Protein backbone atom coordinates (compact mmCIF):
# COMPACT_ATOMS: atom_id res chain seq x y z
CA LEU A 1 2.94 10.13 -0.85
CA GLY A 2 1.38 13.54 -0.82
CA GLN A 3 -1.52 12.56 -3.04
CA LYS A 4 -4.96 12.11 -1.57
CA VAL A 5 -5.51 8.82 0.37
CA VAL A 6 -2.02 7.37 -0.34
CA MET A 7 -0.86 7.28 3.28
CA ARG A 8 -4.25 5.97 4.37
CA ILE A 9 -3.95 3.13 1.85
CA ILE A 10 -0.56 2.18 3.23
CA ARG A 11 -1.91 2.27 6.80
CA ALA A 12 -4.90 0.09 5.85
CA LEU A 13 -2.79 -2.45 3.97
CA GLY A 14 -0.37 -2.57 6.88
CA GLU A 15 -3.05 -4.32 8.88
CA ARG A 16 -3.67 -7.10 6.33
CA THR A 17 -4.13 -8.00 2.67
CA GLN A 18 -7.43 -6.60 1.44
CA ARG A 19 -9.78 -6.81 -1.50
CA PHE A 20 -10.57 -3.60 -3.35
CA CYS A 21 -14.02 -3.24 -1.76
CA GLU A 22 -12.62 -3.93 1.74
CA LEU A 23 -9.97 -1.29 1.19
CA GLN A 24 -12.56 1.15 -0.07
CA ASP A 25 -14.65 0.56 3.08
CA ALA A 26 -11.57 0.94 5.31
CA LEU A 27 -11.00 4.35 3.70
CA GLY A 28 -14.53 5.50 4.46
CA GLY A 29 -15.97 4.87 1.01
CA ALA A 30 -13.20 6.49 -1.03
CA ASN A 31 -14.04 7.24 -4.66
CA SER A 32 -13.44 4.11 -6.79
CA ALA A 33 -11.60 5.94 -9.56
CA THR A 34 -9.31 7.74 -7.11
CA LEU A 35 -8.59 4.55 -5.20
CA SER A 36 -7.80 2.66 -8.43
CA GLN A 37 -5.42 5.41 -9.57
CA ARG A 38 -3.62 5.53 -6.24
CA LEU A 39 -3.27 1.73 -6.06
CA LYS A 40 -1.79 1.71 -9.59
CA LEU A 41 0.62 4.48 -8.59
CA LEU A 42 1.70 2.56 -5.48
CA GLU A 43 2.07 -0.62 -7.52
CA ASP A 44 4.25 1.22 -10.09
CA GLU A 45 6.41 2.55 -7.23
CA GLY A 46 6.89 -0.97 -5.84
CA LEU A 47 5.02 -0.29 -2.60
CA VAL A 48 1.90 -2.41 -3.24
CA GLU A 49 1.36 -5.79 -4.87
CA ARG A 50 -1.79 -6.70 -6.77
CA HIS A 51 -2.85 -10.35 -6.63
CA GLU A 52 -5.51 -11.67 -9.01
CA ILE A 53 -7.44 -14.55 -7.45
CA SER A 54 -8.92 -16.90 -10.02
CA ALA A 55 -12.05 -18.09 -8.31
CA VAL A 56 -15.70 -17.82 -9.18
CA PRO A 57 -16.18 -14.90 -9.24
CA PRO A 58 -12.57 -13.70 -9.62
CA TRP A 59 -11.31 -10.92 -7.38
CA VAL A 60 -8.20 -8.86 -6.69
CA GLU A 61 -6.32 -8.47 -3.42
CA TYR A 62 -3.74 -5.86 -2.50
CA SER A 63 -0.89 -6.10 -0.03
CA LEU A 64 2.23 -4.16 0.86
CA THR A 65 5.59 -5.17 -0.55
CA ALA A 66 8.63 -5.20 1.75
CA LYS A 67 9.35 -1.65 0.53
CA GLY A 68 5.80 -0.57 1.37
CA ALA A 69 5.88 -2.24 4.78
CA ASP A 70 9.14 -0.44 5.56
CA LEU A 71 7.43 2.89 4.84
CA ARG A 72 4.95 2.25 7.65
CA GLY A 73 7.59 3.27 10.22
CA ALA A 74 7.99 6.68 8.59
CA ILE A 75 4.22 7.16 8.46
CA ALA A 76 3.94 6.21 12.13
CA GLY A 77 6.52 8.90 12.90
CA ILE A 78 4.48 11.48 10.99
CA ASP A 79 1.36 10.38 12.89
CA LEU A 80 3.14 10.85 16.24
CA TRP A 81 4.37 14.27 15.20
CA ALA A 82 0.86 15.30 14.11
CA GLU A 83 -0.68 14.07 17.37
CA ARG A 84 1.89 15.92 19.46
CA TRP A 85 1.60 19.24 17.62
CA ALA A 86 -2.14 19.09 16.98
CA ALA A 87 -2.66 18.63 20.71
CA SER A 88 -0.40 21.59 21.53
CA THR A 89 -2.23 23.97 19.18
CA GLN A 90 -5.63 23.13 20.70
CA GLN A 91 -4.65 24.37 24.17
């Protein structure tokens, strides 16, 4: 989870299933190679599912597994902690 963009990927996929390019846009134009590596890592860990859509042209969609969706609660807790303590250090 500590690798670059991993938590942001989980947040973005928590909203809905997304194509690679949609996910890349949601992450502010993340590097394609980095995004591909992180998605493969998350897939290997059982947090993300990759769905190949056989259409013309074919495309790939990504979504969270039940395990990945369950992680969203922990990430939300980290976000709340960061908001609380970031605000207190700015005063």
